[in-house]
Amino acid sequence: MNTIKTLFLLVTLTLVLIWAGGTPGGKQGMTIALIIALGINFISYWFSDNIVLLSGAEIAGNARYLSGALRKLDAASRQIPMQANPANSHMFFVNPFAGGGLLKLFSTHPIEERIARLESINR
């Protein structure tokens, strides 16, 4: 339900920004407003993941504990295939449909990048 609320909020804010840019600026203003809206959406998405990782590391007391747990979950998911519905894959800590090649391009939260960010906290 929160995903739907967030999606609705981002779509609404994007449309308001496009309308506000299009009213005084015409098509050029609308294009500039769309670029700004996309940038804001991307930045908020990127930083929300970083904030969650930092908060998790703070709760764990040490980022190494959290990165170690992610490594164990990743290793277990590669050894034991999970029976999961693709519609519910966003509920997993690790990708139950892990694969390489082109599938990695569509991974929204690669576990390797999360671990690297957590390890950079301790440096």
PDB file of N, CA and C in Angstrom:
ATOM      1  N   MET A   1       0.816  -1.190   0.000  1.00  0.00           N
ATOM      2  CA  MET A   1       0.000   0.000   0.000  1.00  0.00           C
ATOM      3  C   MET A   1       0.867   1.264   0.000  1.00  0.00           C
ATOM      4  N   ASN A   2       1.987   1.237   0.750  1.00  0.00           N
ATOM      5  CA  ASN A   2       2.874   2.399   0.772  1.00  0.00           C
ATOM      6  C   ASN A   2       3.480   2.665  -0.591  1.00  0.00           C
ATOM      7  N   THR A   3       3.745   1.603  -1.357  1.00  0.00           N
ATOM      8  CA  THR A   3       4.296   1.774  -2.698  1.00  0.00           C
ATOM      9  C   THR A   3       3.316   2.542  -3.570  1.00  0.00           C
ATOM     10  N   ILE A   4       2.037   2.217  -3.448  1.00  0.00           N
ATOM     11  CA  ILE A   4       1.014   2.902  -4.241  1.00  0.00           C
ATOM     12  C   ILE A   4       0.917   4.364  -3.824  1.00  0.00           C
ATOM     13  N   LYS A   5       0.964   4.629  -2.524  1.00  0.00           N
ATOM     14  CA  LYS A   5       0.912   6.010  -2.039  1.00  0.00           C
ATOM     15  C   LYS A   5       2.105   6.813  -2.540  1.00  0.00           C
ATOM     16  N   THR A   6       3.290   6.221  -2.470  1.00  0.00           N
ATOM     17  CA  THR A   6       4.499   6.907  -2.929  1.00  0.00           C
ATOM     18  C   THR A   6       4.430   7.170  -4.422  1.00  0.00           C
ATOM     19  N   LEU A   7       4.005   6.171  -5.179  1.00  0.00           N
ATOM     20  CA  LEU A   7       3.873   6.335  -6.624  1.00  0.00           C
ATOM     21  C   LEU A   7       2.878   7.441  -6.943  1.00  0.00           C
ATOM     22  N   PHE A   8       1.744   7.455  -6.261  1.00  0.00           N
ATOM     23  CA  PHE A   8       0.737   8.483  -6.485  1.00  0.00           C
ATOM     24  C   PHE A   8       1.294   9.870  -6.169  1.00  0.00           C
ATOM     25  N   LEU A   9       2.019   9.987  -5.064  1.00  0.00           N
ATOM     26  CA  LEU A   9       2.603  11.268  -4.677  1.00  0.00           C
ATOM     27  C   LEU A   9       3.611  11.755  -5.714  1.00  0.00           C
ATOM     28  N   LEU A  10       4.509  10.873  -6.159  1.00  0.00           N
ATOM     29  CA  LEU A  10       5.516  11.272  -7.143  1.00  0.00           C
ATOM     30  C   LEU A  10       4.884  11.650  -8.477  1.00  0.00           C
ATOM     31  N   VAL A  11       3.876  10.888  -8.910  1.00  0.00           N
ATOM     32  CA  VAL A  11       3.193  11.213 -10.167  1.00  0.00           C
ATOM     33  C   VAL A  11       2.485  12.557 -10.043  1.00  0.00           C
ATOM     34  N   THR A  12       1.806  12.780  -8.925  1.00  0.00           N
ATOM     35  CA  THR A  12       1.102  14.044  -8.717  1.00  0.00           C
ATOM     36  C   THR A  12       2.072  15.222  -8.705  1.00  0.00           C
ATOM     37  N   LEU A  13       3.164  15.096  -7.966  1.00  0.00           N
ATOM     38  CA  LEU A  13       4.150  16.183  -7.920  1.00  0.00           C
ATOM     39  C   LEU A  13       4.772  16.440  -9.286  1.00  0.00           C
ATOM     40  N   THR A  14       5.032  15.372 -10.037  1.00  0.00           N
ATOM     41  CA  THR A  14       5.600  15.525 -11.375  1.00  0.00           C
ATOM     42  C   THR A  14       4.623  16.256 -12.286  1.00  0.00           C
ATOM     43  N   LEU A  15       3.355  15.869 -12.249  1.00  0.00           N
ATOM     44  CA  LEU A  15       2.353  16.524 -13.098  1.00  0.00           C
ATOM     45  C   LEU A  15       2.162  17.989 -12.716  1.00  0.00           C
ATOM     46  N   VAL A  16       2.180  18.288 -11.421  1.00  0.00           N
ATOM     47  CA  VAL A  16       2.059  19.681 -10.984  1.00  0.00           C
ATOM     48  C   VAL A  16       3.249  20.498 -11.475  1.00  0.00           C
ATOM     49  N   LEU A  17       4.438  19.933 -11.379  1.00  0.00           N
ATOM     50  CA  LEU A  17       5.632  20.643 -11.833  1.00  0.00           C
ATOM     51  C   LEU A  17       5.601  20.858 -13.345  1.00  0.00           C
ATOM     52  N   ILE A  18       5.161  19.854 -14.096  1.00  0.00           N
ATOM     53  CA  ILE A  18       5.066  19.995 -15.555  1.00  0.00           C
ATOM     54  C   ILE A  18       4.026  21.054 -15.912  1.00  0.00           C
ATOM     55  N   TRP A  19       2.879  21.025 -15.231  1.00  0.00           N
ATOM     56  CA  TRP A  19       1.844  22.024 -15.495  1.00  0.00           C
ATOM     57  C   TRP A  19       2.354  23.426 -15.167  1.00  0.00           C
ATOM     58  N   ALA A  20       3.036  23.554 -14.016  1.00  0.00           N
ATOM     59  CA  ALA A  20       3.560  24.861 -13.614  1.00  0.00           C
ATOM     60  C   ALA A  20       4.615  25.355 -14.593  1.00  0.00           C
ATOM     61  N   GLY A  21       5.404  24.458 -15.151  1.00  0.00           N
ATOM     62  CA  GLY A  21       6.402  24.867 -16.136  1.00  0.00           C
ATOM     63  C   GLY A  21       5.795  25.153 -17.489  1.00  0.00           C
ATOM     64  N   GLY A  22       4.718  24.445 -17.821  1.00  0.00           N
ATOM     65  CA  GLY A  22       4.091  24.619 -19.128  1.00  0.00           C
ATOM     66  C   GLY A  22       3.221  25.847 -19.224  1.00  0.00           C
ATOM     67  N   THR A  23       2.653  26.300 -18.125  1.00  0.00           N
ATOM     68  CA  THR A  23       1.748  27.446 -18.158  1.00  0.00           C
ATOM     69  C   THR A  23       2.467  28.714 -18.620  1.00  0.00           C
ATOM     70  N   PRO A  24       3.556  29.133 -17.978  1.00  0.00           N
ATOM     71  CA  PRO A  24       4.216  30.352 -18.465  1.00  0.00           C
ATOM     72  C   PRO A  24       5.208  30.102 -19.601  1.00  0.00           C
ATOM     73  N   GLY A  25       5.748  28.892 -19.699  1.00  0.00           N
ATOM     74  CA  GLY A  25       6.842  28.661 -20.634  1.00  0.00           C
ATOM     75  C   GLY A  25       6.498  27.878 -21.881  1.00  0.00           C
ATOM     76  N   GLY A  26       5.258  27.443 -22.021  1.00  0.00           N
ATOM     77  CA  GLY A  26       4.872  26.666 -23.197  1.00  0.00           C
ATOM     78  C   GLY A  26       5.573  25.317 -23.232  1.00  0.00           C
ATOM     79  N   LYS A  27       5.858  24.847 -24.452  1.00  0.00           N
ATOM     80  CA  LYS A  27       6.479  23.524 -24.600  1.00  0.00           C
ATOM     81  C   LYS A  27       7.889  23.483 -24.016  1.00  0.00           C
ATOM     82  N   GLN A  28       8.653  24.563 -24.183  1.00  0.00           N
ATOM     83  CA  GLN A  28      10.010  24.577 -23.635  1.00  0.00           C
ATOM     84  C   GLN A  28       9.983  24.534 -22.106  1.00  0.00           C
ATOM     85  N   GLY A  29       9.081  25.283 -21.515  1.00  0.00           N
ATOM     86  CA  GLY A  29       8.954  25.263 -20.062  1.00  0.00           C
ATOM     87  C   GLY A  29       8.521  23.902 -19.555  1.00  0.00           C
ATOM     88  N   MET A  30       7.638  23.243 -20.318  1.00  0.00           N
ATOM     89  CA  MET A  30       7.172  21.919 -19.935  1.00  0.00           C
ATOM     90  C   MET A  30       8.312  20.903 -19.997  1.00  0.00           C
ATOM     91  N   THR A  31       9.151  21.015 -21.015  1.00  0.00           N
ATOM     92  CA  THR A  31      10.291  20.104 -21.154  1.00  0.00           C
ATOM     93  C   THR A  31      11.283  20.309 -20.015  1.00  0.00           C
ATOM     94  N   ILE A  32      11.579  21.552 -19.710  1.00  0.00           N
ATOM     95  CA  ILE A  32      12.506  21.850 -18.612  1.00  0.00           C
ATOM     96  C   ILE A  32      11.927  21.359 -17.285  1.00  0.00           C
ATOM     97  N   ALA A  33      10.622  21.579 -17.071  1.00  0.00           N
ATOM     98  CA  ALA A  33       9.985  21.115 -15.838  1.00  0.00           C
ATOM     99  C   ALA A  33      10.025  19.595 -15.733  1.00  0.00           C
ATOM    100  N   LEU A  34       9.851  18.894 -16.853  1.00  0.00           N
ATOM    101  CA  LEU A  34       9.912  17.431 -16.841  1.00  0.00           C
ATOM    102  C   LEU A  34      11.311  16.952 -16.471  1.00  0.00           C
ATOM    103  N   ILE A  35      12.332  17.589 -17.022  1.00  0.00           N
ATOM    104  CA  ILE A  35      13.712  17.216 -16.699  1.00  0.00           C
ATOM    105  C   ILE A  35      13.995  17.453 -15.215  1.00  0.00           C
ATOM    106  N   ILE A  36      13.536  18.572 -14.689  1.00  0.00           N
ATOM    107  CA  ILE A  36      13.728  18.864 -13.267  1.00  0.00           C
ATOM    108  C   ILE A  36      12.990  17.840 -12.406  1.00  0.00           C
ATOM    109  N   ALA A  37      11.750  17.515 -12.782  1.00  0.00           N
ATOM    110  CA  ALA A  37      10.963  16.540 -12.014  1.00  0.00           C
ATOM    111  C   ALA A  37      11.626  15.172 -12.020  1.00  0.00           C
ATOM    112  N   LEU A  38      12.128  14.747 -13.166  1.00  0.00           N
ATOM    113  CA  LEU A  38      12.807  13.454 -13.235  1.00  0.00           C
ATOM    114  C   LEU A  38      14.069  13.454 -12.376  1.00  0.00           C
ATOM    115  N   GLY A  39      14.802  14.561 -12.390  1.00  0.00           N
ATOM    116  CA  GLY A  39      15.998  14.669 -11.553  1.00  0.00           C
ATOM    117  C   GLY A  39      15.668  14.601 -10.073  1.00  0.00           C
ATOM    118  N   ILE A  40      14.621  15.297  -9.666  1.00  0.00           N
ATOM    119  CA  ILE A  40      14.210  15.277  -8.260  1.00  0.00           C
ATOM    120  C   ILE A  40      13.774  13.877  -7.852  1.00  0.00           C
ATOM    121  N   ASN A  41      13.005  13.205  -8.715  1.00  0.00           N
ATOM    122  CA  ASN A  41      12.552  11.844  -8.402  1.00  0.00           C
ATOM    123  C   ASN A  41      13.734  10.889  -8.272  1.00  0.00           C
ATOM    124  N   PHE A  42      14.711  11.003  -9.172  1.00  0.00           N
ATOM    125  CA  PHE A  42      15.874  10.119  -9.119  1.00  0.00           C
ATOM    126  C   PHE A  42      16.691  10.368  -7.858  1.00  0.00           C
ATOM    127  N   ILE A  43      16.910  11.630  -7.535  1.00  0.00           N
ATOM    128  CA  ILE A  43      17.708  11.974  -6.352  1.00  0.00           C
ATOM    129  C   ILE A  43      17.022  11.483  -5.078  1.00  0.00           C
ATOM    130  N   SER A  44      15.702  11.678  -4.985  1.00  0.00           N
ATOM    131  CA  SER A  44      15.002  11.214  -3.778  1.00  0.00           C
ATOM    132  C   SER A  44      15.055   9.699  -3.676  1.00  0.00           C
ATOM    133  N   TYR A  45      14.967   9.006  -4.789  1.00  0.00           N
ATOM    134  CA  TYR A  45      15.059   7.542  -4.795  1.00  0.00           C
ATOM    135  C   TYR A  45      16.449   7.093  -4.357  1.00  0.00           C
ATOM    136  N   TRP A  46      17.484   7.717  -4.893  1.00  0.00           N
ATOM    137  CA  TRP A  46      18.864   7.338  -4.585  1.00  0.00           C
ATOM    138  C   TRP A  46      19.188   7.577  -3.115  1.00  0.00           C
ATOM    139  N   PHE A  47      18.829   8.754  -2.606  1.00  0.00           N
ATOM    140  CA  PHE A  47      19.173   9.077  -1.228  1.00  0.00           C
ATOM    141  C   PHE A  47      18.334   8.306  -0.219  1.00  0.00           C
ATOM    142  N   SER A  48      17.117   7.912  -0.588  1.00  0.00           N
ATOM    143  CA  SER A  48      16.313   7.128   0.354  1.00  0.00           C
ATOM    144  C   SER A  48      16.983   5.791   0.639  1.00  0.00           C
ATOM    145  N   ASP A  49      17.592   5.170  -0.370  1.00  0.00           N
ATOM    146  CA  ASP A  49      18.296   3.907  -0.158  1.00  0.00           C
ATOM    147  C   ASP A  49      19.513   4.120   0.746  1.00  0.00           C
ATOM    148  N   ASN A  50      20.246   5.195   0.527  1.00  0.00           N
ATOM    149  CA  ASN A  50      21.407   5.494   1.376  1.00  0.00           C
ATOM    150  C   ASN A  50      20.988   5.763   2.822  1.00  0.00           C
ATOM    151  N   ILE A  51      19.880   6.470   3.011  1.00  0.00           N
ATOM    152  CA  ILE A  51      19.405   6.771   4.360  1.00  0.00           C
ATOM    153  C   ILE A  51      19.025   5.488   5.089  1.00  0.00           C
ATOM    154  N   VAL A  52      18.365   4.571   4.380  1.00  0.00           N
ATOM    155  CA  VAL A  52      17.981   3.296   4.996  1.00  0.00           C
ATOM    156  C   VAL A  52      19.224   2.503   5.392  1.00  0.00           C
ATOM    157  N   LEU A  53      20.232   2.468   4.523  1.00  0.00           N
ATOM    158  CA  LEU A  53      21.459   1.740   4.849  1.00  0.00           C
ATOM    159  C   LEU A  53      22.168   2.352   6.053  1.00  0.00           C
ATOM    160  N   LEU A  54      22.254   3.667   6.097  1.00  0.00           N
ATOM    161  CA  LEU A  54      22.902   4.328   7.234  1.00  0.00           C
ATOM    162  C   LEU A  54      22.129   4.095   8.530  1.00  0.00           C
ATOM    163  N   SER A  55      20.803   4.148   8.458  1.00  0.00           N
ATOM    164  CA  SER A  55      19.987   3.906   9.650  1.00  0.00           C
ATOM    165  C   SER A  55      20.143   2.473  10.132  1.00  0.00           C
ATOM    166  N   GLY A  56      20.169   1.530   9.198  1.00  0.00           N
ATOM    167  CA  GLY A  56      20.353   0.126   9.560  1.00  0.00           C
ATOM    168  C   GLY A  56      21.699  -0.117  10.206  1.00  0.00           C
ATOM    169  N   ALA A  57      22.737   0.526   9.677  1.00  0.00           N
ATOM    170  CA  ALA A  57      24.077   0.381  10.250  1.00  0.00           C
ATOM    171  C   ALA A  57      24.133   0.987  11.650  1.00  0.00           C
ATOM    172  N   GLU A  58      23.432   2.086  11.847  1.00  0.00           N
ATOM    173  CA  GLU A  58      23.402   2.718  13.170  1.00  0.00           C
ATOM    174  C   GLU A  58      22.674   1.827  14.179  1.00  0.00           C
ATOM    175  N   ILE A  59      21.574   1.224  13.757  1.00  0.00           N
ATOM    176  CA  ILE A  59      20.823   0.333  14.649  1.00  0.00           C
ATOM    177  C   ILE A  59      21.648  -0.905  14.991  1.00  0.00           C
ATOM    178  N   ALA A  60      22.348  -1.455  13.983  1.00  0.00           N
ATOM    179  CA  ALA A  60      23.164  -2.654  14.208  1.00  0.00           C
ATOM    180  C   ALA A  60      24.375  -2.355  15.080  1.00  0.00           C
ATOM    181  N   GLY A  61      24.781  -1.094  15.134  1.00  0.00           N
ATOM    182  CA  GLY A  61      25.935  -0.718  15.938  1.00  0.00           C
ATOM    183  C   GLY A  61      27.227  -0.696  15.148  1.00  0.00           C
ATOM    184  N   ASN A  62      27.271  -1.421  14.053  1.00  0.00           N
ATOM    185  CA  ASN A  62      28.457  -1.471  13.208  1.00  0.00           C
ATOM    186  C   ASN A  62      28.002  -1.888  11.813  1.00  0.00           C
ATOM    187  N   ALA A  63      28.439  -1.169  10.811  1.00  0.00           N
ATOM    188  CA  ALA A  63      28.023  -1.473   9.438  1.00  0.00           C
ATOM    189  C   ALA A  63      28.513  -2.841   8.989  1.00  0.00           C
ATOM    190  N   ARG A  64      29.594  -3.335   9.607  1.00  0.00           N
ATOM    191  CA  ARG A  64      30.111  -4.658   9.223  1.00  0.00           C
ATOM    192  C   ARG A  64      29.122  -5.767   9.560  1.00  0.00           C
ATOM    193  N   TYR A  65      28.377  -5.609  10.643  1.00  0.00           N
ATOM    194  CA  TYR A  65      27.377  -6.619  11.008  1.00  0.00           C
ATOM    195  C   TYR A  65      26.305  -6.710   9.924  1.00  0.00           C
ATOM    196  N   LEU A  66      25.851  -5.557   9.483  1.00  0.00           N
ATOM    197  CA  LEU A  66      24.804  -5.527   8.467  1.00  0.00           C
ATOM    198  C   LEU A  66      25.315  -6.036   7.123  1.00  0.00           C
ATOM    199  N   SER A  67      26.533  -5.652   6.744  1.00  0.00           N
ATOM    200  CA  SER A  67      27.082  -6.139   5.470  1.00  0.00           C
ATOM    201  C   SER A  67      27.335  -7.642   5.530  1.00  0.00           C
ATOM    202  N   GLY A  68      27.752  -8.153   6.696  1.00  0.00           N
ATOM    203  CA  GLY A  68      27.935  -9.599   6.855  1.00  0.00           C
ATOM    204  C   GLY A  68      26.621 -10.355   6.722  1.00  0.00           C
ATOM    205  N   ALA A  69      25.562  -9.788   7.297  1.00  0.00           N
ATOM    206  CA  ALA A  69      24.243 -10.422   7.183  1.00  0.00           C
ATOM    207  C   ALA A  69      23.772 -10.432   5.731  1.00  0.00           C
ATOM    208  N   LEU A  70      24.008  -9.340   5.017  1.00  0.00           N
ATOM    209  CA  LEU A  70      23.625  -9.295   3.601  1.00  0.00           C
ATOM    210  C   LEU A  70      24.410 -10.312   2.781  1.00  0.00           C
ATOM    211  N   ARG A  71      25.691 -10.481   3.107  1.00  0.00           N
ATOM    212  CA  ARG A  71      26.504 -11.491   2.404  1.00  0.00           C
ATOM    213  C   ARG A  71      25.945 -12.897   2.624  1.00  0.00           C
ATOM    214  N   LYS A  72      25.576 -13.195   3.877  1.00  0.00           N
ATOM    215  CA  LYS A  72      25.028 -14.519   4.189  1.00  0.00           C
ATOM    216  C   LYS A  72      23.702 -14.754   3.468  1.00  0.00           C
ATOM    217  N   LEU A  73      22.844 -13.740   3.449  1.00  0.00           N
ATOM    218  CA  LEU A  73      21.571 -13.872   2.741  1.00  0.00           C
ATOM    219  C   LEU A  73      21.786 -14.071   1.244  1.00  0.00           C
ATOM    220  N   ASP A  74      22.737 -13.333   0.687  1.00  0.00           N
ATOM    221  CA  ASP A  74      23.031 -13.458  -0.739  1.00  0.00           C
ATOM    222  C   ASP A  74      23.567 -14.850  -1.060  1.00  0.00           C
ATOM    223  N   ALA A  75      24.484 -15.352  -0.225  1.00  0.00           N
ATOM    224  CA  ALA A  75      25.050 -16.688  -0.454  1.00  0.00           C
ATOM    225  C   ALA A  75      23.968 -17.760  -0.343  1.00  0.00           C
ATOM    226  N   ALA A  76      23.089 -17.621   0.634  1.00  0.00           N
ATOM    227  CA  ALA A  76      22.014 -18.608   0.802  1.00  0.00           C
ATOM    228  C   ALA A  76      21.046 -18.581  -0.375  1.00  0.00           C
ATOM    229  N   SER A  77      20.759 -17.388  -0.893  1.00  0.00           N
ATOM    230  CA  SER A  77      19.817 -17.302  -2.016  1.00  0.00           C
ATOM    231  C   SER A  77      20.405 -17.896  -3.288  1.00  0.00           C
ATOM    232  N   ARG A  78      21.725 -17.885  -3.403  1.00  0.00           N
ATOM    233  CA  ARG A  78      22.362 -18.485  -4.582  1.00  0.00           C
ATOM    234  C   ARG A  78      22.446 -20.006  -4.462  1.00  0.00           C
ATOM    235  N   GLN A  79      22.555 -20.531  -3.238  1.00  0.00           N
ATOM    236  CA  GLN A  79      22.673 -21.978  -3.033  1.00  0.00           C
ATOM    237  C   GLN A  79      21.320 -22.678  -3.075  1.00  0.00           C
ATOM    238  N   ILE A  80      20.333 -22.100  -2.437  1.00  0.00           N
ATOM    239  CA  ILE A  80      19.020 -22.730  -2.341  1.00  0.00           C
ATOM    240  C   ILE A  80      18.043 -21.920  -3.188  1.00  0.00           C
ATOM    241  N   PRO A  81      17.562 -22.485  -4.298  1.00  0.00           N
ATOM    242  CA  PRO A  81      16.622 -21.725  -5.129  1.00  0.00           C
ATOM    243  C   PRO A  81      15.316 -21.463  -4.377  1.00  0.00           C
ATOM    244  N   MET A  82      14.844 -20.238  -4.487  1.00  0.00           N
ATOM    245  CA  MET A  82      13.613 -19.864  -3.802  1.00  0.00           C
ATOM    246  C   MET A  82      12.429 -20.004  -4.755  1.00  0.00           C
ATOM    247  N   GLN A  83      11.335 -20.494  -4.232  1.00  0.00           N
ATOM    248  CA  GLN A  83      10.093 -20.530  -4.983  1.00  0.00           C
ATOM    249  C   GLN A  83       9.336 -19.258  -4.620  1.00  0.00           C
ATOM    250  N   ALA A  84       9.338 -18.310  -5.518  1.00  0.00           N
ATOM    251  CA  ALA A  84       8.701 -17.034  -5.213  1.00  0.00           C
ATOM    252  C   ALA A  84       7.937 -16.539  -6.427  1.00  0.00           C
ATOM    253  N   ASN A  85       6.919 -15.784  -6.152  1.00  0.00           N
ATOM    254  CA  ASN A  85       6.124 -15.163  -7.196  1.00  0.00           C
ATOM    255  C   ASN A  85       6.811 -13.852  -7.587  1.00  0.00           C
ATOM    256  N   PRO A  86       7.043 -13.602  -8.876  1.00  0.00           N
ATOM    257  CA  PRO A  86       7.707 -12.352  -9.275  1.00  0.00           C
ATOM    258  C   PRO A  86       6.993 -11.097  -8.775  1.00  0.00           C
ATOM    259  N   ALA A  87       5.687 -11.177  -8.571  1.00  0.00           N
ATOM    260  CA  ALA A  87       4.945 -10.018  -8.079  1.00  0.00           C
ATOM    261  C   ALA A  87       5.323  -9.673  -6.642  1.00  0.00           C
ATOM    262  N   ASN A  88       5.872 -10.631  -5.909  1.00  0.00           N
ATOM    263  CA  ASN A  88       6.253 -10.404  -4.511  1.00  0.00           C
ATOM    264  C   ASN A  88       7.757 -10.261  -4.321  1.00  0.00           C
ATOM    265  N   SER A  89       8.520 -10.183  -5.386  1.00  0.00           N
ATOM    266  CA  SER A  89       9.978 -10.158  -5.270  1.00  0.00           C
ATOM    267  C   SER A  89      10.492  -8.923  -4.542  1.00  0.00           C
ATOM    268  N   HIS A  90       9.726  -7.825  -4.553  1.00  0.00           N
ATOM    269  CA  HIS A  90      10.160  -6.608  -3.863  1.00  0.00           C
ATOM    270  C   HIS A  90      10.144  -6.762  -2.347  1.00  0.00           C
ATOM    271  N   MET A  91       9.557  -7.828  -1.839  1.00  0.00           N
ATOM    272  CA  MET A  91       9.479  -8.048  -0.396  1.00  0.00           C
ATOM    273  C   MET A  91      10.693  -8.775   0.164  1.00  0.00           C
ATOM    274  N   PHE A  92      11.610  -9.193  -0.687  1.00  0.00           N
ATOM    275  CA  PHE A  92      12.772  -9.961  -0.257  1.00  0.00           C
ATOM    276  C   PHE A  92      13.961  -9.036  -0.019  1.00  0.00           C
ATOM    277  N   PHE A  93      14.822  -9.404   0.952  1.00  0.00           N
ATOM    278  CA  PHE A  93      16.056  -8.658   1.181  1.00  0.00           C
ATOM    279  C   PHE A  93      17.032  -8.878   0.043  1.00  0.00           C
ATOM    280  N   VAL A  94      17.054 -10.084  -0.486  1.00  0.00           N
ATOM    281  CA  VAL A  94      17.904 -10.421  -1.619  1.00  0.00           C
ATOM    282  C   VAL A  94      17.004 -10.838  -2.761  1.00  0.00           C
ATOM    283  N   ASN A  95      17.498 -10.695  -3.974  1.00  0.00           N
ATOM    284  CA  ASN A  95      16.707 -11.005  -5.153  1.00  0.00           C
ATOM    285  C   ASN A  95      16.530 -12.513  -5.283  1.00  0.00           C
ATOM    286  N   PRO A  96      15.292 -13.018  -5.188  1.00  0.00           N
ATOM    287  CA  PRO A  96      15.090 -14.460  -5.314  1.00  0.00           C
ATOM    288  C   PRO A  96      15.257 -14.944  -6.745  1.00  0.00           C
ATOM    289  N   PHE A  97      15.310 -14.022  -7.680  1.00  0.00           N
ATOM    290  CA  PHE A  97      15.464 -14.365  -9.091  1.00  0.00           C
ATOM    291  C   PHE A  97      16.820 -13.886  -9.596  1.00  0.00           C
ATOM    292  N   ALA A  98      17.844 -14.027  -8.766  1.00  0.00           N
ATOM    293  CA  ALA A  98      19.176 -13.523  -9.100  1.00  0.00           C
ATOM    294  C   ALA A  98      19.667 -14.134 -10.396  1.00  0.00           C
ATOM    295  N   GLY A  99      20.263 -13.306 -11.186  1.00  0.00           N
ATOM    296  CA  GLY A  99      20.831 -13.759 -12.444  1.00  0.00           C
ATOM    297  C   GLY A  99      21.894 -12.782 -12.875  1.00  0.00           C
ATOM    298  N   GLY A 100      22.601 -13.115 -13.895  1.00  0.00           N
ATOM    299  CA  GLY A 100      23.640 -12.222 -14.382  1.00  0.00           C
ATOM    300  C   GLY A 100      23.241 -11.635 -15.718  1.00  0.00           C
ATOM    301  N   GLY A 101      24.190 -11.044 -16.376  1.00  0.00           N
ATOM    302  CA  GLY A 101      23.963 -10.520 -17.717  1.00  0.00           C
ATOM    303  C   GLY A 101      22.975  -9.371 -17.724  1.00  0.00           C
ATOM    304  N   LEU A 102      21.998  -9.476 -18.613  1.00  0.00           N
ATOM    305  CA  LEU A 102      21.027  -8.400 -18.773  1.00  0.00           C
ATOM    306  C   LEU A 102      20.123  -8.231 -17.558  1.00  0.00           C
ATOM    307  N   LEU A 103      19.870  -9.312 -16.829  1.00  0.00           N
ATOM    308  CA  LEU A 103      19.014  -9.195 -15.648  1.00  0.00           C
ATOM    309  C   LEU A 103      19.609  -8.252 -14.611  1.00  0.00           C
ATOM    310  N   LYS A 104      20.932  -8.179 -14.553  1.00  0.00           N
ATOM    311  CA  LYS A 104      21.591  -7.313 -13.572  1.00  0.00           C
ATOM    312  C   LYS A 104      21.332  -5.830 -13.880  1.00  0.00           C
ATOM    313  N   LEU A 105      21.117  -5.505 -15.157  1.00  0.00           N
ATOM    314  CA  LEU A 105      20.841  -4.119 -15.527  1.00  0.00           C
ATOM    315  C   LEU A 105      19.538  -3.614 -14.918  1.00  0.00           C
ATOM    316  N   PHE A 106      18.596  -4.522 -14.677  1.00  0.00           N
ATOM    317  CA  PHE A 106      17.293  -4.129 -14.166  1.00  0.00           C
ATOM    318  C   PHE A 106      17.169  -4.293 -12.661  1.00  0.00           C
ATOM    319  N   SER A 107      18.258  -4.618 -11.997  1.00  0.00           N
ATOM    320  CA  SER A 107      18.248  -4.761 -10.550  1.00  0.00           C
ATOM    321  C   SER A 107      18.211  -3.371  -9.921  1.00  0.00           C
ATOM    322  N   THR A 108      17.178  -3.112  -9.123  1.00  0.00           N
ATOM    323  CA  THR A 108      17.038  -1.775  -8.543  1.00  0.00           C
ATOM    324  C   THR A 108      17.923  -1.559  -7.324  1.00  0.00           C
ATOM    325  N   HIS A 109      18.217  -2.623  -6.591  1.00  0.00           N
ATOM    326  CA  HIS A 109      19.060  -2.514  -5.405  1.00  0.00           C
ATOM    327  C   HIS A 109      20.065  -3.657  -5.401  1.00  0.00           C
ATOM    328  N   PRO A 110      21.115  -3.574  -6.235  1.00  0.00           N
ATOM    329  CA  PRO A 110      22.090  -4.675  -6.266  1.00  0.00           C
ATOM    330  C   PRO A 110      22.748  -4.866  -4.903  1.00  0.00           C
ATOM    331  N   ILE A 111      22.774  -6.102  -4.452  1.00  0.00           N
ATOM    332  CA  ILE A 111      23.295  -6.411  -3.113  1.00  0.00           C
ATOM    333  C   ILE A 111      24.772  -6.057  -3.000  1.00  0.00           C
ATOM    334  N   GLU A 112      25.529  -6.219  -4.098  1.00  0.00           N
ATOM    335  CA  GLU A 112      26.961  -5.895  -4.064  1.00  0.00           C
ATOM    336  C   GLU A 112      27.172  -4.412  -3.794  1.00  0.00           C
ATOM    337  N   GLU A 113      26.330  -3.567  -4.404  1.00  0.00           N
ATOM    338  CA  GLU A 113      26.459  -2.122  -4.177  1.00  0.00           C
ATOM    339  C   GLU A 113      26.079  -1.752  -2.743  1.00  0.00           C
ATOM    340  N   ARG A 114      25.066  -2.408  -2.205  1.00  0.00           N
ATOM    341  CA  ARG A 114      24.681  -2.144  -0.815  1.00  0.00           C
ATOM    342  C   ARG A 114      25.819  -2.496   0.133  1.00  0.00           C
ATOM    343  N   ILE A 115      26.429  -3.659  -0.102  1.00  0.00           N
ATOM    344  CA  ILE A 115      27.540  -4.091   0.753  1.00  0.00           C
ATOM    345  C   ILE A 115      28.707  -3.116   0.629  1.00  0.00           C
ATOM    346  N   ALA A 116      29.014  -2.677  -0.593  1.00  0.00           N
ATOM    347  CA  ALA A 116      30.113  -1.724  -0.798  1.00  0.00           C
ATOM    348  C   ALA A 116      29.835  -0.410  -0.075  1.00  0.00           C
ATOM    349  N   ARG A 117      28.586   0.075  -0.118  1.00  0.00           N
ATOM    350  CA  ARG A 117      28.246   1.314   0.577  1.00  0.00           C
ATOM    351  C   ARG A 117      28.371   1.155   2.089  1.00  0.00           C
ATOM    352  N   LEU A 118      27.938  -0.005   2.594  1.00  0.00           N
ATOM    353  CA  LEU A 118      28.058  -0.248   4.035  1.00  0.00           C
ATOM    354  C   LEU A 118      29.515  -0.323   4.466  1.00  0.00           C
ATOM    355  N   GLU A 119      30.354  -0.958   3.656  1.00  0.00           N
ATOM    356  CA  GLU A 119      31.774  -1.061   4.004  1.00  0.00           C
ATOM    357  C   GLU A 119      32.471   0.288   3.922  1.00  0.00           C
ATOM    358  N   SER A 120      31.995   1.173   3.054  1.00  0.00           N
ATOM    359  CA  SER A 120      32.607   2.503   2.964  1.00  0.00           C
ATOM    360  C   SER A 120      32.279   3.350   4.195  1.00  0.00           C
ATOM    361  N   ILE A 121      31.235   2.993   4.922  1.00  0.00           N
ATOM    362  CA  ILE A 121      30.883   3.720   6.150  1.00  0.00           C
ATOM    363  C   ILE A 121      31.964   3.531   7.209  1.00  0.00           C
ATOM    364  N   ASN A 122      32.514   2.329   7.301  1.00  0.00           N
ATOM    365  CA  ASN A 122      33.514   2.021   8.331  1.00  0.00           C
ATOM    366  C   ASN A 122      34.897   2.566   8.011  1.00  0.00           C
ATOM    367  N   ARG A 123      35.122   3.036   6.825  1.00  0.00           N
ATOM    368  CA  ARG A 123      36.465   3.522   6.451  1.00  0.00           C
ATOM    369  C   ARG A 123      36.715   4.912   6.936  1.00  0.00           C
TER     370      ARG A 123
END
